[in-house]
Amino acid sequence: MIAGCTARSGLTTNAAPADLFSDIQERAFRFFWETADPDTGLAMDRWPTPSFASIAAVGFALTAYGVGEKHGWITRTQNRDRTLALLEFFANASQGDGATGFSGYKGFFYHFLGVTKGQRFARCELSTIDTALLLGGVLFAQSWFDRADPVEARIRDLAERIYRAVEWDWIVPRPPFVAMGWHPETGFIPHDWEIYNEGMILYVLALASPTHPLPSETWGALTARFDRSWGNAHGGEPHLQFAPMFGHQYSHVWIDFRGIRDPYIASKGIDYFENSRRATYAQRAYANENPGGWAAYGDDCWGLTACDGPGDFNVTIDGRSRDFFSYSARGPGERDDGTIAPTAALGSIAFAPEIVEPMIAKVHARYGAGIYEKYGFLDSFNPTLTRADTELKHGRIVPGIGWVDKDYLGIDQGPIVAMIENRRSGMIWEVMRRNPHIRRGLERAGFTGGWLK
């Protein structure tokens, strides 16, 4: 048994390829179920390093619990009780413009929360995108718990209350775009969501708000800027480019973009799902090009996204000066330091299973003894960095592999659970298609066709 694994039925460390993805999915699910704070239910940003809670990780957790219930890893009662506790917390969390003693303001929540009281951690920002990812899970719970039961009705009502409280029309200091965040000490962050990235779900939710909606024209203003990102990459098909893979994945966890189109993507002859498929292929093509000469890159090892890294330092390896980074958003040509994150590929498994599944099986077979533990793949690893004399900020050097992270990250585990399920059954997409807010937001953005008919 791999060090750190628990002896649970069905969770073996040498899973055959046919069973490997079930094993990966269950382990990633158990990250959320087992590491959440036992009193508040808040999901941790990372584990096992002592950590604050992440509101985005809570959104992924609420969604993962439905996956766990579907597969019988937890009961509906267990899911219901955990979900109810979380929604009670967020619905009643303290809101105010003070620097301390609050969980959020104007319906938004701080990026990170202290675990014991669930209030702002340090001087982190009131985060618009992380609130949106939290709401993805909240609205999933609203549609998942659909029975005529007073507790499930309470969950639905709390979800509605949390969503309606968000004042999207407040956080647009530079109309029409939503600011990335706000600090009580300094005000609005001087950057907006104004390019193609993971922010699509944010705007769908903001357009759909029954209480504080953005104008429907906002989506057109956003997509009018998308051509700045359109082009060919690494010899592949043209698509909207965003270097770290998470930008092509997060919105797709909850929104089924297959076959539905807004005017912009329709003008390109594809949909946003196809765009993410092309981006996945581009990542593999970049790994084969390997302009940085990093170890192990190729068809059998690829995937760049936001993840942990060894630390911020420079070392010489085989006569070549190499820069390494700690936690960073990595992508083709952007802060690429040879660090591979399994979530980059696994979060794209629904887009391109034909290239993701065989690659992950080979990574598991080759590196699994050192990078696959209690909750599946550790967050990241770097086969280029094998020198044991480096001053690592995080992780360790594993002989025969290289640098290996010591942590799991909630925002990287979440897409693994969800997108394996969307690949296999489409369950999360099916649930969210029933949510009236998601449908309304897409329709106000100008999406037509497919399941919206």
Protein backbone atom coordinates (compact mmCIF):
# COMPACT_ATOMS: atom_id res chain seq x y z
CA MET A 1 0.00 0.00 0.00
CA ILE A 2 1.25 3.49 -0.86
CA ALA A 3 2.30 5.44 2.22
CA GLY A 4 -0.58 7.53 3.49
CA CYS A 5 -3.35 5.48 1.88
CA THR A 6 -6.20 4.17 3.93
CA ALA A 7 -7.42 0.61 3.56
CA ARG A 8 -10.83 1.15 1.98
CA SER A 9 -12.66 -1.30 -0.19
CA GLY A 10 -12.28 -0.45 -3.86
CA LEU A 11 -9.33 1.90 -3.38
CA THR A 12 -6.21 0.09 -4.50
CA THR A 13 -2.91 1.69 -5.35
CA ASN A 14 -2.39 -0.49 -8.44
CA ALA A 15 -5.75 0.14 -10.07
CA ALA A 16 -6.04 -1.37 -13.54
CA PRO A 17 -6.64 1.16 -16.33
CA ALA A 18 -10.32 0.22 -16.56
CA ASP A 19 -10.78 1.07 -12.90
CA LEU A 20 -8.19 3.81 -12.56
CA PHE A 21 -10.50 6.76 -13.19
CA SER A 22 -13.07 5.52 -10.69
CA ASP A 23 -10.25 5.27 -8.18
CA ILE A 24 -8.98 8.75 -9.00
CA GLN A 25 -12.47 10.21 -8.73
CA GLU A 26 -13.30 8.58 -5.41
CA ARG A 27 -10.01 9.59 -3.84
CA ALA A 28 -10.47 13.20 -4.98
CA PHE A 29 -14.03 13.16 -3.62
CA ARG A 30 -12.75 11.95 -0.25
CA PHE A 31 -10.38 14.89 -0.11
CA PHE A 32 -13.44 17.11 0.29
CA TRP A 33 -15.43 14.76 2.48
CA GLU A 34 -12.66 13.93 4.94
CA THR A 35 -10.58 17.11 5.21
CA ALA A 36 -13.40 19.65 5.61
CA ASP A 37 -13.60 21.26 9.03
CA PRO A 38 -15.77 18.99 11.20
CA ASP A 39 -17.60 21.89 12.83
CA THR A 40 -18.18 24.40 10.01
CA GLY A 41 -17.98 22.05 7.03
CA LEU A 42 -15.73 24.59 5.29
CA ALA A 43 -13.47 23.06 2.66
CA MET A 44 -9.73 23.51 3.06
CA ASP A 45 -7.60 25.32 0.53
CA ARG A 46 -5.00 22.55 0.87
CA TRP A 47 -4.09 19.44 2.85
CA PRO A 48 -2.12 18.15 4.78
CA THR A 49 -0.39 21.50 5.29
CA PRO A 50 -2.50 23.38 7.89
CA SER A 51 -4.73 25.68 5.91
CA PHE A 52 -7.48 28.27 5.84
CA ALA A 53 -10.73 27.57 4.00
CA SER A 54 -11.26 28.44 0.33
CA ILE A 55 -14.70 29.58 -0.80
CA ALA A 56 -14.03 28.24 -4.31
CA ALA A 57 -13.12 24.87 -2.79
CA VAL A 58 -16.50 24.95 -0.99
CA GLY A 59 -18.22 25.34 -4.36
CA PHE A 60 -16.38 22.31 -5.69
CA ALA A 61 -17.11 20.41 -2.47
CA LEU A 62 -20.86 21.00 -2.67
CA THR A 63 -20.74 19.60 -6.20
CA ALA A 64 -18.48 16.68 -5.28
CA TYR A 65 -20.93 15.63 -2.56
CA GLY A 66 -23.58 15.02 -5.20
CA VAL A 67 -21.10 12.85 -7.11
CA GLY A 68 -20.32 10.95 -3.92
CA GLU A 69 -24.00 10.35 -3.26
CA LYS A 70 -24.58 9.17 -6.83
CA HIS A 71 -21.85 6.56 -6.49
CA GLY A 72 -22.87 5.46 -2.99
CA TRP A 73 -19.76 6.77 -1.25
CA ILE A 74 -22.02 8.75 1.09
CA THR A 75 -25.75 8.61 1.70
CA ARG A 76 -28.24 11.26 0.72
CA THR A 77 -28.74 12.03 4.41
CA GLN A 78 -25.00 12.59 4.89
CA ASN A 79 -24.88 14.83 1.83
CA ARG A 80 -27.99 16.70 2.93
CA ASP A 81 -26.70 17.35 6.44
CA ARG A 82 -23.27 18.57 5.30
CA THR A 83 -24.79 20.73 2.56
CA LEU A 84 -27.37 22.22 4.91
CA ALA A 85 -24.69 23.17 7.43
CA LEU A 86 -22.62 24.89 4.74
CA LEU A 87 -25.55 26.82 3.29
CA GLU A 88 -26.71 27.86 6.76
CA PHE A 89 -23.23 29.21 7.37
CA PHE A 90 -23.01 31.25 4.17
CA ALA A 91 -26.58 32.50 4.38
CA ASN A 92 -25.98 33.81 7.90
CA ALA A 93 -22.29 34.77 7.64
CA SER A 94 -21.40 38.24 8.83
CA GLN A 95 -21.35 40.87 6.06
CA GLY A 96 -19.85 44.33 6.43
CA ASP A 97 -17.28 46.79 5.13
CA GLY A 98 -14.89 46.45 8.07
CA ALA A 99 -11.43 44.96 7.70
CA THR A 100 -11.97 42.29 10.33
CA GLY A 101 -14.83 40.34 11.81
CA PHE A 102 -16.67 39.71 8.53
CA SER A 103 -16.98 36.89 6.01
CA GLY A 104 -17.98 39.10 3.12
CA TYR A 105 -19.65 42.25 1.88
CA LYS A 106 -22.52 43.02 -0.50
CA GLY A 107 -23.22 39.29 -0.83
CA PHE A 108 -19.68 38.47 -2.00
CA PHE A 109 -17.28 36.50 0.16
CA TYR A 110 -13.61 36.77 0.91
CA HIS A 111 -11.34 34.47 -1.06
CA PHE A 112 -10.07 32.74 2.08
CA LEU A 113 -11.80 32.32 5.43
CA GLY A 114 -10.41 31.34 8.79
CA VAL A 115 -11.73 27.95 9.73
CA THR A 116 -12.92 28.42 13.29
CA LYS A 117 -15.04 31.55 12.76
CA GLY A 118 -15.34 31.59 8.99
CA GLN A 119 -14.22 35.22 8.75
CA ARG A 120 -11.78 37.00 6.45
CA PHE A 121 -8.33 35.46 6.52
CA ALA A 122 -5.49 37.99 6.85
CA ARG A 123 -5.85 40.76 4.23
CA CYS A 124 -7.23 38.67 1.37
CA GLU A 125 -9.59 40.18 -1.17
CA LEU A 126 -13.35 40.03 -1.53
CA SER A 127 -13.23 37.81 -4.59
CA THR A 128 -15.75 37.97 -7.42
CA ILE A 129 -14.58 34.85 -9.27
CA ASP A 130 -14.25 32.76 -6.13
CA THR A 131 -17.74 33.85 -5.08
CA ALA A 132 -18.96 32.73 -8.52
CA LEU A 133 -17.33 29.31 -8.09
CA LEU A 134 -18.91 29.03 -4.65
CA LEU A 135 -22.27 29.85 -6.21
CA GLY A 136 -21.74 27.13 -8.81
CA GLY A 137 -21.83 24.63 -5.96
CA VAL A 138 -24.64 26.42 -4.16
CA LEU A 139 -26.88 26.31 -7.24
CA PHE A 140 -25.91 22.71 -7.90
CA ALA A 141 -27.16 21.88 -4.41
CA GLN A 142 -30.33 23.85 -5.08
CA SER A 143 -31.16 21.68 -8.08
CA TRP A 144 -29.80 18.42 -6.67
CA PHE A 145 -31.99 18.47 -3.57
CA ASP A 146 -35.33 18.43 -5.37
CA ARG A 147 -37.47 16.27 -3.14
CA ALA A 148 -40.62 17.26 -1.25
CA ASP A 149 -38.82 17.13 2.06
CA PRO A 150 -38.64 20.02 4.54
CA VAL A 151 -34.86 19.80 4.90
CA GLU A 152 -34.33 19.71 1.15
CA ALA A 153 -36.75 22.60 0.76
CA ARG A 154 -34.65 24.48 3.33
CA ILE A 155 -31.53 23.85 1.25
CA ARG A 156 -33.25 25.21 -1.86
CA ASP A 157 -34.41 28.30 0.00
CA LEU A 158 -30.98 28.98 1.50
CA ALA A 159 -29.34 28.63 -1.92
CA GLU A 160 -31.78 31.16 -3.33
CA ARG A 161 -31.10 33.55 -0.48
CA ILE A 162 -27.32 33.32 -0.90
CA TYR A 163 -27.54 33.90 -4.66
CA ARG A 164 -30.00 36.78 -4.44
CA ALA A 165 -27.82 38.61 -1.90
CA VAL A 166 -24.92 39.14 -4.33
CA GLU A 167 -24.85 42.77 -5.53
CA TRP A 168 -23.26 42.34 -8.95
CA ASP A 169 -24.21 45.89 -9.95
CA TRP A 170 -22.09 47.29 -7.10
CA ILE A 171 -18.76 45.82 -8.15
CA VAL A 172 -18.53 47.45 -11.60
CA PRO A 173 -16.36 50.52 -10.92
CA ARG A 174 -15.38 50.57 -14.61
CA PRO A 175 -18.63 49.64 -16.40
CA PRO A 176 -19.59 47.33 -17.90
CA PHE A 177 -17.03 44.91 -16.48
CA VAL A 178 -16.92 43.29 -13.05
CA ALA A 179 -13.87 44.07 -10.93
CA MET A 180 -11.73 41.16 -9.82
CA GLY A 181 -12.27 42.09 -6.21
CA TRP A 182 -12.32 44.61 -3.41
CA HIS A 183 -10.37 45.32 -0.22
CA PRO A 184 -11.86 47.21 2.72
CA GLU A 185 -8.52 49.01 3.10
CA THR A 186 -8.08 50.18 -0.51
CA GLY A 187 -11.34 49.64 -2.39
CA PHE A 188 -11.79 47.99 -5.78
CA ILE A 189 -8.96 46.00 -7.33
CA PRO A 190 -7.80 47.92 -10.43
CA HIS A 191 -8.41 44.97 -12.79
CA ASP A 192 -11.59 43.62 -14.36
CA TRP A 193 -12.88 40.40 -15.88
CA GLU A 194 -12.58 41.54 -19.49
CA ILE A 195 -10.92 38.72 -21.48
CA TYR A 196 -11.66 35.09 -22.29
CA ASN A 197 -10.94 32.98 -19.22
CA GLU A 198 -12.75 31.24 -16.36
CA GLY A 199 -14.89 34.34 -15.84
CA MET A 200 -17.70 33.14 -18.11
CA ILE A 201 -19.57 31.55 -15.22
CA LEU A 202 -19.28 34.81 -13.29
CA TYR A 203 -21.04 36.76 -16.04
CA VAL A 204 -23.73 34.10 -16.57
CA LEU A 205 -24.57 34.34 -12.86
CA ALA A 206 -24.40 38.13 -12.85
CA LEU A 207 -26.72 38.43 -15.85
CA ALA A 208 -29.22 36.03 -14.30
CA SER A 209 -29.50 37.69 -10.90
CA PRO A 210 -33.14 38.29 -9.89
CA THR A 211 -32.08 41.16 -7.62
CA HIS A 212 -28.89 42.85 -8.87
CA PRO A 213 -28.42 41.87 -12.53
CA LEU A 214 -25.93 43.31 -14.96
CA PRO A 215 -27.35 44.57 -18.27
CA SER A 216 -27.72 41.90 -20.94
CA GLU A 217 -25.39 43.95 -23.16
CA THR A 218 -22.52 43.14 -20.80
CA TRP A 219 -21.92 39.77 -22.45
CA GLY A 220 -21.57 41.33 -25.88
CA ALA A 221 -19.12 43.88 -24.51
CA LEU A 222 -17.09 41.02 -23.05
CA THR A 223 -17.03 38.87 -26.18
CA ALA A 224 -16.19 41.92 -28.31
CA ARG A 225 -12.74 41.61 -26.74
CA PHE A 226 -12.34 37.91 -27.34
CA ASP A 227 -10.71 38.26 -30.75
CA ARG A 228 -7.60 39.44 -28.95
CA SER A 229 -7.27 35.85 -27.76
CA TRP A 230 -8.27 34.06 -30.96
CA GLY A 231 -5.62 32.30 -32.99
CA ASN A 232 -3.67 29.15 -33.76
CA ALA A 233 -1.37 27.68 -31.17
CA HIS A 234 1.30 25.03 -31.66
CA GLY A 235 0.06 24.00 -35.08
CA GLY A 236 -3.43 23.17 -33.91
CA GLU A 237 -6.88 24.43 -34.76
CA PRO A 238 -7.69 28.08 -34.01
CA HIS A 239 -9.34 28.76 -30.68
CA LEU A 240 -9.65 31.27 -27.86
CA GLN A 241 -6.39 31.00 -26.01
CA PHE A 242 -5.67 31.25 -22.31
CA ALA A 243 -2.42 29.69 -21.18
CA PRO A 244 -3.28 27.94 -17.86
CA MET A 245 -5.71 25.09 -18.45
CA PHE A 246 -8.07 26.03 -15.60
CA GLY A 247 -9.34 28.99 -17.63
CA HIS A 248 -10.84 26.52 -20.11
CA GLN A 249 -12.31 24.27 -17.42
CA TYR A 250 -13.89 26.00 -14.43
CA SER A 251 -17.02 27.37 -16.11
CA HIS A 252 -17.55 24.01 -17.83
CA VAL A 253 -17.73 22.18 -14.51
CA TRP A 254 -21.26 23.51 -14.05
CA ILE A 255 -22.38 24.80 -17.46
CA ASP A 256 -22.98 22.45 -20.37
CA PHE A 257 -21.68 24.45 -23.32
CA ARG A 258 -22.12 21.59 -25.78
CA GLY A 259 -24.23 22.65 -28.73
CA ILE A 260 -25.21 26.08 -27.38
CA ARG A 261 -23.71 29.22 -28.85
CA ASP A 262 -23.62 32.95 -28.32
CA PRO A 263 -23.23 35.18 -31.40
CA TYR A 264 -19.46 35.41 -30.95
CA ILE A 265 -18.59 31.71 -30.83
CA ALA A 266 -21.21 30.97 -33.50
CA SER A 267 -19.27 33.33 -35.80
CA LYS A 268 -16.29 31.00 -35.38
CA GLY A 269 -18.29 27.92 -36.33
CA ILE A 270 -17.76 26.13 -33.00
CA ASP A 271 -19.04 26.20 -29.41
CA TYR A 272 -17.11 26.83 -26.19
CA PHE A 273 -16.87 23.11 -25.46
CA GLU A 274 -15.07 22.60 -28.76
CA ASN A 275 -12.87 25.58 -27.91
CA SER A 276 -11.77 23.83 -24.72
CA ARG A 277 -11.15 20.62 -26.64
CA ARG A 278 -8.82 22.49 -28.97
CA ALA A 279 -7.07 24.11 -26.01
CA THR A 280 -6.47 20.66 -24.52
CA TYR A 281 -4.87 19.45 -27.74
CA ALA A 282 -2.76 22.61 -27.86
CA GLN A 283 -1.34 21.81 -24.42
CA ARG A 284 -0.27 18.38 -25.59
CA ALA A 285 1.23 19.85 -28.76
CA TYR A 286 3.21 22.34 -26.68
CA ALA A 287 4.56 19.51 -24.53
CA ASN A 288 5.76 17.76 -27.67
CA GLU A 289 7.41 20.94 -28.92
CA ASN A 290 8.95 21.38 -25.47
CA PRO A 291 10.76 24.64 -26.24
CA GLY A 292 12.14 24.78 -22.70
CA GLY A 293 13.69 21.35 -22.89
CA TRP A 294 11.97 20.12 -19.72
CA ALA A 295 12.25 16.48 -18.68
CA ALA A 296 9.48 13.97 -19.53
CA TYR A 297 7.34 16.35 -21.65
CA GLY A 298 5.48 14.68 -24.52
CA ASP A 299 2.38 12.66 -25.38
CA ASP A 300 2.75 10.69 -22.16
CA CYS A 301 3.28 13.62 -19.78
CA TRP A 302 1.70 17.05 -20.15
CA GLY A 303 -0.53 19.54 -18.37
CA LEU A 304 0.11 23.11 -17.26
CA THR A 305 -2.21 25.12 -15.02
CA ALA A 306 -2.25 26.99 -11.71
CA CYS A 307 -0.58 24.74 -9.18
CA ASP A 308 2.11 24.40 -6.53
CA GLY A 309 5.76 24.51 -7.51
CA PRO A 310 9.12 23.83 -5.90
CA GLY A 311 9.89 27.42 -4.89
CA ASP A 312 11.18 30.67 -6.31
CA PHE A 313 14.83 30.13 -7.16
CA ASN A 314 17.33 29.54 -9.96
CA VAL A 315 19.59 26.53 -10.30
CA THR A 316 21.84 25.19 -13.02
CA ILE A 317 20.89 21.74 -14.31
CA ASP A 318 23.05 20.00 -16.91
CA GLY A 319 24.74 23.30 -17.65
CA ARG A 320 21.49 25.19 -18.19
CA SER A 321 20.19 27.94 -15.92
CA ARG A 322 16.66 27.12 -14.77
CA ASP A 323 14.09 29.33 -13.05
CA PHE A 324 11.55 27.64 -10.80
CA PHE A 325 8.44 29.04 -9.16
CA SER A 326 6.26 28.34 -6.15
CA TYR A 327 2.45 28.46 -6.52
CA SER A 328 1.82 30.06 -9.90
CA ALA A 329 -0.48 30.03 -12.93
CA ARG A 330 1.53 28.03 -15.48
CA GLY A 331 0.81 27.60 -19.16
CA PRO A 332 2.50 27.19 -22.53
CA GLY A 333 5.11 29.92 -22.66
CA GLU A 334 3.99 31.42 -19.33
CA ARG A 335 5.97 30.59 -16.19
CA ASP A 336 6.58 27.09 -17.50
CA ASP A 337 9.20 25.60 -15.19
CA GLY A 338 8.69 21.92 -15.95
CA THR A 339 6.00 21.47 -13.28
CA ILE A 340 3.19 19.13 -14.32
CA ALA A 341 -0.22 19.22 -12.61
CA PRO A 342 -2.43 16.15 -13.17
CA THR A 343 -5.55 18.32 -12.75
CA ALA A 344 -4.64 20.16 -15.96
CA ALA A 345 -5.38 17.04 -17.98
CA LEU A 346 -7.98 15.43 -15.71
CA GLY A 347 -10.04 18.64 -15.69
CA SER A 348 -10.13 18.31 -19.49
CA ILE A 349 -11.11 14.65 -19.56
CA ALA A 350 -14.62 15.48 -20.78
CA PHE A 351 -13.24 17.54 -23.67
CA ALA A 352 -10.66 15.10 -25.01
CA PRO A 353 -10.81 11.71 -23.26
CA GLU A 354 -9.00 10.08 -26.16
CA ILE A 355 -5.76 11.85 -25.24
CA VAL A 356 -6.28 12.43 -21.51
CA GLU A 357 -7.10 8.89 -20.42
CA PRO A 358 -4.09 7.10 -21.94
CA MET A 359 -1.71 9.81 -20.76
CA ILE A 360 -2.97 9.72 -17.17
CA ALA A 361 -2.75 5.91 -17.15
CA LYS A 362 0.88 6.12 -18.23
CA VAL A 363 1.71 8.83 -15.68
CA HIS A 364 0.10 6.67 -12.98
CA ALA A 365 2.04 3.61 -14.10
CA ARG A 366 5.35 5.45 -14.31
CA TYR A 367 5.19 7.81 -11.33
CA GLY A 368 2.33 6.53 -9.20
CA ALA A 369 4.47 5.10 -6.43
CA GLY A 370 5.68 8.61 -5.65
CA ILE A 371 2.83 10.94 -6.64
CA TYR A 372 -0.40 8.95 -6.06
CA GLU A 373 -1.46 8.73 -2.44
CA LYS A 374 -4.46 9.00 -0.13
CA TYR A 375 -6.50 11.46 -2.19
CA GLY A 376 -5.15 10.55 -5.61
CA PHE A 377 -2.48 12.47 -7.48
CA LEU A 378 -0.62 14.98 -5.37
CA ASP A 379 -1.07 18.45 -6.78
CA SER A 380 2.04 18.59 -8.97
CA PHE A 381 5.47 17.18 -9.73
CA ASN A 382 8.56 18.21 -11.67
CA PRO A 383 10.77 15.54 -13.29
CA THR A 384 13.41 18.12 -14.27
CA LEU A 385 14.25 19.15 -10.72
CA THR A 386 16.10 16.19 -9.26
CA ARG A 387 18.82 17.99 -7.30
CA ALA A 388 18.53 17.29 -3.61
CA ASP A 389 20.68 20.29 -2.68
CA THR A 390 18.06 22.90 -3.67
CA GLU A 391 16.25 24.90 -0.99
CA LEU A 392 12.69 23.84 -1.67
CA LYS A 393 9.83 26.01 -0.48
CA HIS A 394 7.39 23.15 -0.78
CA GLY A 395 7.41 19.41 -1.40
CA ARG A 396 10.36 17.07 -1.65
CA ILE A 397 12.73 15.34 -4.06
CA VAL A 398 11.69 11.75 -4.72
CA PRO A 399 14.42 9.55 -6.20
CA GLY A 400 13.60 8.42 -9.72
CA ILE A 401 10.87 11.06 -10.14
CA GLY A 402 12.12 14.51 -9.20
CA TRP A 403 10.32 17.17 -7.19
CA VAL A 404 6.91 16.12 -5.84
CA ASP A 405 4.41 18.32 -4.04
CA LYS A 406 3.34 17.32 -0.55
CA ASP A 407 -0.16 18.80 -0.75
CA TYR A 408 -3.54 18.45 -2.40
CA LEU A 409 -5.34 21.69 -3.40
CA GLY A 410 -9.11 22.01 -3.25
CA ILE A 411 -9.46 24.03 -6.45
CA ASP A 412 -7.44 21.39 -8.31
CA GLN A 413 -9.19 18.37 -6.79
CA GLY A 414 -12.60 19.83 -7.62
CA PRO A 415 -12.35 19.70 -11.43
CA ILE A 416 -11.03 16.14 -11.19
CA VAL A 417 -14.14 14.89 -9.38
CA ALA A 418 -16.56 16.91 -11.49
CA MET A 419 -15.13 16.47 -14.95
CA ILE A 420 -14.63 12.73 -14.61
CA GLU A 421 -18.35 12.61 -13.79
CA ASN A 422 -19.27 14.86 -16.70
CA ARG A 423 -17.19 12.65 -18.96
CA ARG A 424 -18.89 9.48 -17.74
CA SER A 425 -22.51 10.49 -17.21
CA GLY A 426 -22.93 14.23 -17.74
CA MET A 427 -24.63 14.27 -14.34
CA ILE A 428 -23.50 17.70 -13.16
CA TRP A 429 -24.43 19.28 -16.49
CA GLU A 430 -27.82 17.56 -16.38
CA VAL A 431 -28.53 18.86 -12.88
CA MET A 432 -27.47 22.39 -13.76
CA ARG A 433 -29.58 22.44 -16.94
CA ARG A 434 -32.56 22.26 -14.58
CA ASN A 435 -31.49 25.36 -12.66
CA PRO A 436 -33.55 28.36 -13.80
CA HIS A 437 -30.79 30.84 -12.97
CA ILE A 438 -28.28 29.13 -15.24
CA ARG A 439 -30.78 29.00 -18.09
CA ARG A 440 -31.78 32.65 -17.60
CA GLY A 441 -28.18 33.83 -17.53
CA LEU A 442 -27.30 31.98 -20.72
CA GLU A 443 -30.38 33.27 -22.51
CA ARG A 444 -29.68 36.87 -21.43
CA ALA A 445 -26.15 36.42 -22.77
CA GLY A 446 -27.61 35.47 -26.15
CA PHE A 447 -27.00 31.73 -26.13
CA THR A 448 -29.32 29.65 -28.29
CA GLY A 449 -29.65 26.11 -29.61
CA GLY A 450 -28.95 22.74 -28.09
CA TRP A 451 -30.52 22.01 -24.74
CA LEU A 452 -31.76 25.62 -24.45
CA LYS A 453 -34.42 24.99 -27.11
